[in-house]
Amino acid sequence: MVFLYLGGNCTVLKRDVIAILSAYTRVSSITREFIQYSRGNNLVRSESDPGNKEKSYVLTEKGIYFSPVSCDTLRKRGQMPL
């Protein structure tokens, strides 16, 4: 199994990752609506410390993770060979 470290104390299986989105996508009304719906259904998990701002959203089969790690860094971590 290969894991992707999202920051904080969180890792997810790479095969479970559907998409990694920049937090800047929150500007879109569709994205805001999707996140609001997901929060209402307890599908959001925030890995950002209260002082840290989320930089990316990681969509998985189990929910959405708010991560303090940038999209580019997560992408690079996901491409690292074993």
C-alpha atoms as a PDB file:
ATOM      1  CA  MET A   1       0.000   0.000   0.000  1.00  0.00           C
ATOM      2  CA  VAL A   2       1.207   3.479  -0.832  1.00  0.00           C
ATOM      3  CA  PHE A   3       0.151   6.413   1.301  1.00  0.00           C
ATOM      4  CA  LEU A   4       0.022  10.148   0.667  1.00  0.00           C
ATOM      5  CA  TYR A   5       0.855  12.417   3.625  1.00  0.00           C
ATOM      6  CA  LEU A   6      -1.584  15.354   3.784  1.00  0.00           C
ATOM      7  CA  GLY A   7      -0.139  17.177   6.782  1.00  0.00           C
ATOM      8  CA  GLY A   8      -1.024  17.104  10.454  1.00  0.00           C
ATOM      9  CA  ASN A   9      -1.467  13.480  11.441  1.00  0.00           C
ATOM     10  CA  CYS A  10      -3.196  12.438   8.250  1.00  0.00           C
ATOM     11  CA  THR A  11      -2.326  10.023   5.486  1.00  0.00           C
ATOM     12  CA  VAL A  12      -4.590   8.517   2.860  1.00  0.00           C
ATOM     13  CA  LEU A  13      -4.125   5.677   0.428  1.00  0.00           C
ATOM     14  CA  LYS A  14      -2.994   7.059  -2.923  1.00  0.00           C
ATOM     15  CA  ARG A  15      -5.431   4.792  -4.737  1.00  0.00           C
ATOM     16  CA  ASP A  16      -8.325   6.435  -2.834  1.00  0.00           C
ATOM     17  CA  VAL A  17      -7.462   9.946  -4.085  1.00  0.00           C
ATOM     18  CA  ILE A  18      -9.890  11.158  -6.722  1.00  0.00           C
ATOM     19  CA  ALA A  19      -8.662  14.747  -7.061  1.00  0.00           C
ATOM     20  CA  ILE A  20      -6.458  17.355  -5.435  1.00  0.00           C
ATOM     21  CA  LEU A  21      -7.816  20.889  -5.730  1.00  0.00           C
ATOM     22  CA  SER A  22      -6.320  24.219  -4.817  1.00  0.00           C
ATOM     23  CA  ALA A  23      -8.100  26.096  -2.048  1.00  0.00           C
ATOM     24  CA  TYR A  24      -8.431  28.939  -4.575  1.00  0.00           C
ATOM     25  CA  THR A  25     -11.173  26.912  -6.276  1.00  0.00           C
ATOM     26  CA  ARG A  26     -13.378  27.958  -3.368  1.00  0.00           C
ATOM     27  CA  VAL A  27     -14.005  31.153  -5.337  1.00  0.00           C
ATOM     28  CA  SER A  28     -16.308  29.139  -7.590  1.00  0.00           C
ATOM     29  CA  SER A  29     -19.908  28.955  -6.410  1.00  0.00           C
ATOM     30  CA  ILE A  30     -20.081  25.293  -7.498  1.00  0.00           C
ATOM     31  CA  THR A  31     -17.093  24.408  -5.306  1.00  0.00           C
ATOM     32  CA  ARG A  32     -18.504  26.325  -2.331  1.00  0.00           C
ATOM     33  CA  GLU A  33     -21.824  24.540  -2.748  1.00  0.00           C
ATOM     34  CA  PHE A  34     -20.092  21.145  -2.974  1.00  0.00           C
ATOM     35  CA  ILE A  35     -18.054  21.798   0.182  1.00  0.00           C
ATOM     36  CA  GLN A  36     -21.117  23.045   2.047  1.00  0.00           C
ATOM     37  CA  TYR A  37     -23.042  19.915   1.014  1.00  0.00           C
ATOM     38  CA  SER A  38     -20.114  17.716   2.083  1.00  0.00           C
ATOM     39  CA  ARG A  39     -19.884  19.448   5.469  1.00  0.00           C
ATOM     40  CA  GLY A  40     -23.603  18.928   6.001  1.00  0.00           C
ATOM     41  CA  ASN A  41     -23.105  15.207   5.409  1.00  0.00           C
ATOM     42  CA  ASN A  42     -20.015  14.930   7.674  1.00  0.00           C
ATOM     43  CA  LEU A  43     -17.681  14.195   4.764  1.00  0.00           C
ATOM     44  CA  VAL A  44     -15.142  16.963   5.499  1.00  0.00           C
ATOM     45  CA  ARG A  45     -12.011  16.315   7.504  1.00  0.00           C
ATOM     46  CA  SER A  46      -9.751  19.274   8.217  1.00  0.00           C
ATOM     47  CA  GLU A  47      -6.068  18.564   8.759  1.00  0.00           C
ATOM     48  CA  SER A  48      -5.124  22.226   9.072  1.00  0.00           C
ATOM     49  CA  ASP A  49      -4.158  23.510  12.496  1.00  0.00           C
ATOM     50  CA  PRO A  50      -6.337  26.374  13.700  1.00  0.00           C
ATOM     51  CA  GLY A  51      -3.480  28.804  12.909  1.00  0.00           C
ATOM     52  CA  ASN A  52      -2.797  27.319   9.469  1.00  0.00           C
ATOM     53  CA  LYS A  53      -4.945  28.022   6.480  1.00  0.00           C
ATOM     54  CA  GLU A  54      -5.915  25.185   4.181  1.00  0.00           C
ATOM     55  CA  LYS A  55      -4.122  25.286   0.862  1.00  0.00           C
ATOM     56  CA  SER A  56      -5.731  22.329  -0.861  1.00  0.00           C
ATOM     57  CA  TYR A  57      -8.690  19.986  -0.848  1.00  0.00           C
ATOM     58  CA  VAL A  58      -8.110  16.284  -1.353  1.00  0.00           C
ATOM     59  CA  LEU A  59     -11.170  14.407  -2.569  1.00  0.00           C
ATOM     60  CA  THR A  60     -11.189  10.712  -1.701  1.00  0.00           C
ATOM     61  CA  GLU A  61     -13.714   7.920  -1.707  1.00  0.00           C
ATOM     62  CA  LYS A  62     -14.248   8.533   2.025  1.00  0.00           C
ATOM     63  CA  GLY A  63     -14.589  12.307   2.036  1.00  0.00           C
ATOM     64  CA  ILE A  64     -12.820  15.619   1.547  1.00  0.00           C
ATOM     65  CA  TYR A  65      -9.652  16.469   3.428  1.00  0.00           C
ATOM     66  CA  PHE A  66      -8.625  20.102   3.905  1.00  0.00           C
ATOM     67  CA  SER A  67      -4.845  20.141   3.870  1.00  0.00           C
ATOM     68  CA  PRO A  68      -2.306  22.817   4.837  1.00  0.00           C
ATOM     69  CA  VAL A  69      -0.041  21.420   2.088  1.00  0.00           C
ATOM     70  CA  SER A  70      -0.142  22.963  -1.399  1.00  0.00           C
ATOM     71  CA  CYS A  71      -1.457  21.106  -4.459  1.00  0.00           C
ATOM     72  CA  ASP A  72       1.966  21.113  -6.092  1.00  0.00           C
ATOM     73  CA  THR A  73       3.627  19.554  -3.048  1.00  0.00           C
ATOM     74  CA  LEU A  74       0.943  16.873  -2.757  1.00  0.00           C
ATOM     75  CA  ARG A  75       1.256  16.107  -6.452  1.00  0.00           C
ATOM     76  CA  LYS A  76       5.015  15.735  -6.118  1.00  0.00           C
ATOM     77  CA  ARG A  77       4.622  13.490  -3.074  1.00  0.00           C
ATOM     78  CA  GLY A  78       2.189  11.351  -4.998  1.00  0.00           C
ATOM     79  CA  GLN A  79       4.645  10.895  -7.856  1.00  0.00           C
ATOM     80  CA  MET A  80       7.621   9.931  -5.701  1.00  0.00           C
ATOM     81  CA  PRO A  81       8.906   6.420  -6.389  1.00  0.00           C
ATOM     82  CA  LEU A  82       9.036   3.898  -3.578  1.00  0.00           C
END
